Amino acid sequence: MPNFIRRKLIENWEKCGIADNERISKQTPPAGVTTVRGLSYATDGHPMHTLNIYYPDGADGLLPTVVDIHGGGWMYGDRELNRHFCMFLATQGYVVVGMSYRLLPETDLCGQVQDIFKSLQWLEAHAEEYHCDLTRVFLTGDSAGGHLSGLTACVALSPKLQAIYGVQPIGYGFKALVINHGACDVNHLNFIKGVMGKLVTREMELMLFGKRPKTSPFYRAASFSDTAEGIALPPVLLISSEPDGLHEPQTLTLHKWMTERGIPHETLFWKKEQGEHLTHVFNITHPEYEEAIETNLKMLAFFEKSLAR
């Protein structure tokens, strides 16, 4: 049964890939953006150890920088998936960095975190070549990338977590963190109800944490609720929408947990009657929508506000 579940998960993400490619092919890329594709952030030649950088045409000097971690259920996607979203942010005067990272089941959660930190260390070494201001770096991610962005922010601030994941600290910090429609509680991946949901959750845990998930050192060092408490986080913004299937079980649960513990954060939650396009990660997949433009501009305003704190 586990092998069957894994095959079905892979097949479902392959179907998502077909749909995403069709969607992206019909969209018009934002104009006025210079794109540098396929930069290797590791020396092993792995195709997923690459990143893209976007910045305004004619950029001069250092610009505020957004690091974007794509979603895809930890099993799908690459540096190209969010390119139109990244390009929109670049049109607003930012450098945007979007990396690929190895996916499940090729690697596990630890491998993904290590890949992300390799890309962040590469950025530290090459920032000025691509107009990146390391004193103004912001972090965001969507869906599973929302989980990985939250985890990355915590690992970057915690020597204990750095030791658990086997990563070296980076020499710059994040001024703000925005979690878009995040799946931040990986110990309760209750996306599907009933017996099938339990089987899917079990298979995801096996891929994320290994053959004995609950004995893995990462199992209780993966969800935001296990990593964020006691850490002096940068300003945090949670973005979500009521029609999103992750809104109640994931985003609202995270919002409640942070509120109960007095962890400062802001929210941008769309009600279903506020727009017709408010599906999961709508502001990432369709940055041309009116609701998406409003959301993404508010996200950038949050970044700018964080600099004054």
Protein backbone atom coordinates (compact mmCIF):
# COMPACT_ATOMS: atom_id res chain seq x y z
CA MET A 1 0.00 0.00 0.00
CA PRO A 2 2.71 2.63 0.81
CA ASN A 3 4.31 2.17 -2.62
CA PHE A 4 0.89 2.60 -4.23
CA ILE A 5 0.26 5.78 -2.25
CA ARG A 6 3.66 7.16 -3.22
CA ARG A 7 3.06 6.40 -6.90
CA LYS A 8 -0.31 8.15 -6.76
CA LEU A 9 1.23 11.20 -5.12
CA ILE A 10 3.91 11.37 -7.80
CA GLU A 11 1.28 10.96 -10.53
CA ASN A 12 -0.85 13.74 -9.05
CA TRP A 13 2.11 16.13 -8.98
CA GLU A 14 2.97 15.20 -12.56
CA LYS A 15 -0.58 16.23 -13.52
CA CYS A 16 -0.06 19.49 -11.66
CA GLY A 17 3.06 20.04 -13.73
CA ILE A 18 1.12 19.68 -16.95
CA ALA A 19 -1.53 22.12 -15.74
CA ASP A 20 1.06 24.61 -14.51
CA ASN A 21 2.97 24.54 -17.77
CA GLU A 22 -0.25 25.19 -19.67
CA ARG A 23 -1.19 28.04 -17.31
CA ILE A 24 2.23 29.69 -17.50
CA SER A 25 2.31 29.41 -21.30
CA LYS A 26 -0.89 31.50 -21.49
CA GLN A 27 0.32 34.22 -19.12
CA THR A 28 2.19 37.33 -20.19
CA PRO A 29 5.46 37.79 -18.29
CA PRO A 30 5.83 41.16 -16.56
CA ALA A 31 7.90 43.57 -18.65
CA GLY A 32 10.99 45.48 -17.62
CA VAL A 33 12.73 42.65 -15.78
CA THR A 34 16.19 41.20 -16.30
CA THR A 35 16.24 37.47 -15.60
CA VAL A 36 19.41 35.47 -14.93
CA ARG A 37 18.56 31.78 -15.11
CA GLY A 38 20.20 28.58 -13.97
CA LEU A 39 22.97 29.84 -11.71
CA SER A 40 24.57 26.92 -9.86
CA TYR A 41 24.74 27.37 -6.11
CA ALA A 42 26.59 24.09 -5.52
CA THR A 43 29.50 22.44 -7.30
CA ASP A 44 28.01 18.97 -7.81
CA GLY A 45 26.24 19.76 -11.08
CA HIS A 46 22.85 18.65 -9.78
CA PRO A 47 20.15 20.37 -11.90
CA MET A 48 18.14 21.21 -8.79
CA HIS A 49 21.09 23.02 -7.22
CA THR A 50 20.37 26.07 -9.35
CA LEU A 51 18.59 29.39 -8.92
CA ASN A 52 17.17 32.30 -10.88
CA ILE A 53 17.63 35.98 -10.11
CA TYR A 54 15.29 38.74 -11.25
CA TYR A 55 15.84 42.50 -11.05
CA PRO A 56 14.56 45.63 -12.80
CA ASP A 57 16.05 46.45 -16.18
CA GLY A 58 18.82 49.00 -15.81
CA ALA A 59 19.26 48.32 -12.10
CA ASP A 60 22.06 50.37 -10.57
CA GLY A 61 23.50 49.73 -7.12
CA LEU A 62 22.07 47.53 -4.41
CA LEU A 63 18.35 46.82 -4.11
CA PRO A 64 16.19 45.25 -1.41
CA THR A 65 16.11 41.51 -1.98
CA VAL A 66 13.36 38.90 -1.71
CA VAL A 67 14.19 35.21 -1.37
CA ASP A 68 11.26 33.11 -2.59
CA ILE A 69 10.86 29.38 -1.82
CA HIS A 70 8.41 27.68 -4.17
CA GLY A 71 5.73 25.26 -3.06
CA GLY A 72 4.65 21.93 -4.48
CA GLY A 73 4.02 19.58 -1.57
CA TRP A 74 7.78 19.08 -1.04
CA MET A 75 7.54 16.78 -4.12
CA TYR A 76 7.15 19.10 -7.07
CA GLY A 77 8.35 22.34 -8.63
CA ASP A 78 11.58 24.15 -9.37
CA ARG A 79 13.02 27.64 -9.80
CA GLU A 80 10.76 28.26 -12.82
CA LEU A 81 7.43 27.57 -11.11
CA ASN A 82 6.99 31.01 -9.50
CA ARG A 83 8.81 33.03 -12.14
CA HIS A 84 5.95 35.40 -13.02
CA PHE A 85 5.35 36.13 -9.33
CA CYS A 86 9.06 36.80 -8.89
CA MET A 87 9.11 39.01 -11.96
CA PHE A 88 6.18 41.06 -10.65
CA LEU A 89 8.06 41.70 -7.41
CA ALA A 90 11.12 42.72 -9.44
CA THR A 91 9.05 45.32 -11.32
CA GLN A 92 8.48 47.02 -7.95
CA GLY A 93 12.20 47.67 -7.44
CA TYR A 94 13.39 44.44 -5.82
CA VAL A 95 15.91 41.76 -6.60
CA VAL A 96 14.18 38.38 -6.30
CA VAL A 97 15.96 35.06 -5.84
CA GLY A 98 14.13 31.80 -6.50
CA MET A 99 15.93 28.51 -6.08
CA SER A 100 15.31 24.91 -6.97
CA TYR A 101 15.91 22.32 -4.27
CA ARG A 102 15.88 18.55 -4.36
CA LEU A 103 12.43 17.05 -3.97
CA LEU A 104 10.85 14.12 -2.17
CA PRO A 105 11.44 11.23 -2.49
CA GLU A 106 14.93 11.86 -3.90
CA THR A 107 15.87 13.52 -0.63
CA ASP A 108 14.19 14.18 2.72
CA LEU A 109 13.34 17.34 4.65
CA CYS A 110 16.88 17.65 5.95
CA GLY A 111 18.25 17.55 2.42
CA GLN A 112 15.85 20.27 1.33
CA VAL A 113 16.88 22.54 4.20
CA GLN A 114 20.53 21.93 3.38
CA ASP A 115 19.91 22.84 -0.26
CA ILE A 116 18.17 26.07 0.70
CA PHE A 117 21.03 27.05 2.99
CA LYS A 118 23.56 26.32 0.25
CA SER A 119 21.66 28.74 -1.98
CA LEU A 120 21.62 31.37 0.78
CA GLN A 121 25.37 30.97 1.29
CA TRP A 122 25.91 31.33 -2.45
CA LEU A 123 23.90 34.54 -2.33
CA GLU A 124 26.13 35.86 0.42
CA ALA A 125 29.18 35.33 -1.78
CA HIS A 126 27.68 36.78 -4.97
CA ALA A 127 25.21 39.41 -3.74
CA GLU A 128 26.83 42.52 -5.22
CA GLU A 129 27.14 40.91 -8.67
CA TYR A 130 23.34 40.83 -8.86
CA HIS A 131 22.40 44.07 -7.02
CA CYS A 132 21.40 42.28 -3.79
CA ASP A 133 21.49 44.37 -0.61
CA LEU A 134 22.19 41.90 2.19
CA THR A 135 21.11 44.45 4.78
CA ARG A 136 17.59 44.33 3.30
CA VAL A 137 16.72 40.67 2.69
CA PHE A 138 13.16 39.39 3.01
CA LEU A 139 11.97 35.77 2.97
CA THR A 140 8.76 34.30 1.61
CA GLY A 141 7.36 30.97 0.46
CA ASP A 142 4.04 29.48 -0.54
CA SER A 143 2.28 26.27 0.52
CA ALA A 144 5.06 23.73 1.25
CA GLY A 145 7.43 26.58 0.46
CA GLY A 146 5.67 28.50 3.21
CA HIS A 147 6.66 25.73 5.59
CA LEU A 148 10.22 25.74 4.28
CA SER A 149 10.49 29.53 4.54
CA GLY A 150 9.30 29.47 8.17
CA LEU A 151 11.67 26.64 8.98
CA THR A 152 14.54 28.43 7.22
CA ALA A 153 13.89 31.60 9.25
CA CYS A 154 14.02 29.59 12.47
CA VAL A 155 17.10 27.57 11.52
CA ALA A 156 18.92 30.77 10.54
CA LEU A 157 18.43 32.08 14.10
CA SER A 158 19.06 28.89 16.07
CA PRO A 159 22.47 27.21 16.53
CA LYS A 160 20.60 24.20 17.91
CA LEU A 161 18.55 23.80 14.74
CA GLN A 162 21.62 24.43 12.59
CA ALA A 163 23.31 21.48 14.33
CA ILE A 164 20.24 19.27 13.84
CA TYR A 165 20.06 20.01 10.12
CA GLY A 166 23.80 20.10 9.56
CA VAL A 167 23.96 23.59 8.06
CA GLN A 168 26.31 26.50 8.54
CA PRO A 169 24.93 29.90 9.60
CA ILE A 170 24.61 32.65 7.03
CA GLY A 171 26.17 36.05 7.57
CA TYR A 172 23.01 38.09 7.07
CA GLY A 173 19.52 38.06 8.51
CA PHE A 174 15.97 38.27 7.22
CA LYS A 175 14.19 41.54 7.91
CA ALA A 176 10.73 40.00 7.50
CA LEU A 177 9.03 36.69 6.79
CA VAL A 178 5.83 36.24 4.75
CA ILE A 179 4.15 32.83 4.72
CA ASN A 180 1.74 32.51 1.79
CA HIS A 181 -0.97 29.85 2.27
CA GLY A 182 1.54 27.80 4.23
CA ALA A 183 1.46 24.14 5.26
CA CYS A 184 3.54 24.76 8.36
CA ASP A 185 2.51 21.85 10.60
CA VAL A 186 4.11 18.83 8.96
CA ASN A 187 3.22 16.60 11.90
CA HIS A 188 -0.48 17.01 11.07
CA LEU A 189 -0.80 16.92 7.30
CA ASN A 190 -4.56 16.48 7.48
CA PHE A 191 -5.32 17.43 3.90
CA ILE A 192 -7.50 14.36 3.27
CA LYS A 193 -9.98 12.89 5.72
CA GLY A 194 -10.54 9.26 6.65
CA VAL A 195 -8.39 6.18 6.10
CA MET A 196 -6.89 7.49 2.85
CA GLY A 197 -5.84 10.65 4.63
CA LYS A 198 -4.02 8.65 7.28
CA LEU A 199 -2.24 6.62 4.61
CA VAL A 200 -1.18 9.74 2.73
CA THR A 201 0.03 11.38 5.94
CA ARG A 202 2.02 8.28 6.84
CA GLU A 203 3.65 8.15 3.40
CA MET A 204 4.52 11.84 3.54
CA GLU A 205 6.12 11.33 6.96
CA LEU A 206 8.19 8.45 5.59
CA MET A 207 9.49 10.63 2.77
CA LEU A 208 10.09 13.67 4.98
CA PHE A 209 11.65 11.93 7.98
CA GLY A 210 12.73 8.40 7.02
CA LYS A 211 11.71 4.85 7.87
CA ARG A 212 10.96 5.60 11.53
CA PRO A 213 9.60 9.14 11.36
CA LYS A 214 8.90 9.72 15.04
CA THR A 215 12.43 8.72 16.01
CA SER A 216 13.99 11.10 13.48
CA PRO A 217 15.82 14.10 14.98
CA PHE A 218 13.92 16.27 12.48
CA TYR A 219 10.42 15.09 13.41
CA ARG A 220 10.09 17.47 16.37
CA ALA A 221 12.20 20.13 14.71
CA ALA A 222 10.17 20.62 11.55
CA SER A 223 6.82 22.30 12.25
CA PHE A 224 6.73 26.02 13.00
CA SER A 225 5.18 25.25 16.38
CA ASP A 226 8.24 23.17 17.28
CA THR A 227 10.86 25.60 16.03
CA ALA A 228 9.61 29.18 16.46
CA GLU A 229 8.93 29.40 20.18
CA GLY A 230 11.67 31.26 22.02
CA ILE A 231 13.29 32.57 18.83
CA ALA A 232 13.45 36.31 18.16
CA LEU A 233 11.77 36.14 14.78
CA PRO A 234 11.64 39.04 12.34
CA PRO A 235 8.20 40.53 11.62
CA VAL A 236 5.88 37.81 10.29
CA LEU A 237 2.91 38.15 7.94
CA LEU A 238 0.50 35.27 7.26
CA ILE A 239 -1.38 35.43 3.95
CA SER A 240 -4.32 33.16 3.22
CA SER A 241 -7.90 33.02 1.92
CA GLU A 242 -11.05 31.25 3.08
CA PRO A 243 -11.51 29.20 -0.13
CA ASP A 244 -8.01 27.73 0.33
CA GLY A 245 -8.17 24.17 1.63
CA LEU A 246 -5.22 24.87 3.92
CA HIS A 247 -6.78 27.98 5.45
CA GLU A 248 -8.52 26.40 8.43
CA PRO A 249 -6.35 23.35 9.21
CA GLN A 250 -3.01 25.06 8.66
CA THR A 251 -3.01 28.88 8.51
CA LEU A 252 -5.70 29.50 11.14
CA THR A 253 -4.12 26.88 13.41
CA LEU A 254 -0.75 28.62 13.07
CA HIS A 255 -2.34 32.04 13.67
CA LYS A 256 -4.00 30.74 16.85
CA TRP A 257 -0.78 29.14 18.08
CA MET A 258 1.22 32.34 17.54
CA THR A 259 -1.47 34.47 19.17
CA GLU A 260 -1.69 32.25 22.26
CA ARG A 261 2.08 32.52 22.75
CA GLY A 262 2.27 36.22 22.15
CA ILE A 263 4.40 35.85 19.03
CA PRO A 264 3.99 39.12 17.09
CA HIS A 265 2.59 38.69 13.61
CA GLU A 266 0.15 40.24 11.17
CA THR A 267 -2.44 38.61 8.93
CA LEU A 268 -3.85 39.23 5.49
CA PHE A 269 -6.85 36.90 5.23
CA TRP A 270 -9.27 37.17 2.32
CA LYS A 271 -12.93 36.25 2.86
CA LYS A 272 -14.50 34.18 0.10
CA GLU A 273 -16.98 36.93 -0.83
CA GLN A 274 -14.14 39.41 -1.49
CA GLY A 275 -13.16 37.98 -4.85
CA GLU A 276 -13.66 35.18 -7.34
CA HIS A 277 -9.99 34.19 -7.66
CA LEU A 278 -9.12 33.44 -4.04
CA THR A 279 -7.96 29.85 -4.43
CA HIS A 280 -4.83 28.28 -2.97
CA VAL A 281 -1.74 30.45 -3.65
CA PHE A 282 -3.74 32.60 -6.08
CA ASN A 283 -1.32 35.53 -5.68
CA ILE A 284 1.59 33.31 -6.71
CA THR A 285 0.05 31.42 -9.62
CA HIS A 286 -1.87 34.37 -11.04
CA PRO A 287 -0.01 37.57 -10.13
CA GLU A 288 -2.03 39.35 -12.83
CA TYR A 289 -5.33 39.02 -10.90
CA GLU A 290 -6.60 42.18 -9.24
CA GLU A 291 -6.75 40.40 -5.87
CA ALA A 292 -3.23 39.09 -6.39
CA ILE A 293 -1.82 42.52 -7.24
CA GLU A 294 -3.39 43.96 -4.09
CA THR A 295 -2.05 41.09 -1.99
CA ASN A 296 1.46 41.26 -3.36
CA LEU A 297 1.69 45.03 -3.02
CA LYS A 298 0.57 44.72 0.61
CA MET A 299 3.25 42.08 1.12
CA LEU A 300 5.90 44.47 -0.22
CA ALA A 301 4.52 47.25 1.99
CA PHE A 302 4.94 44.90 4.94
CA PHE A 303 8.55 44.34 3.93
CA GLU A 304 9.19 48.07 3.76
CA LYS A 305 7.49 48.67 7.10
CA SER A 306 9.73 46.05 8.71
CA LEU A 307 12.82 48.12 7.88
CA ALA A 308 11.63 50.90 10.18
CA ARG A 309 11.34 48.61 13.23
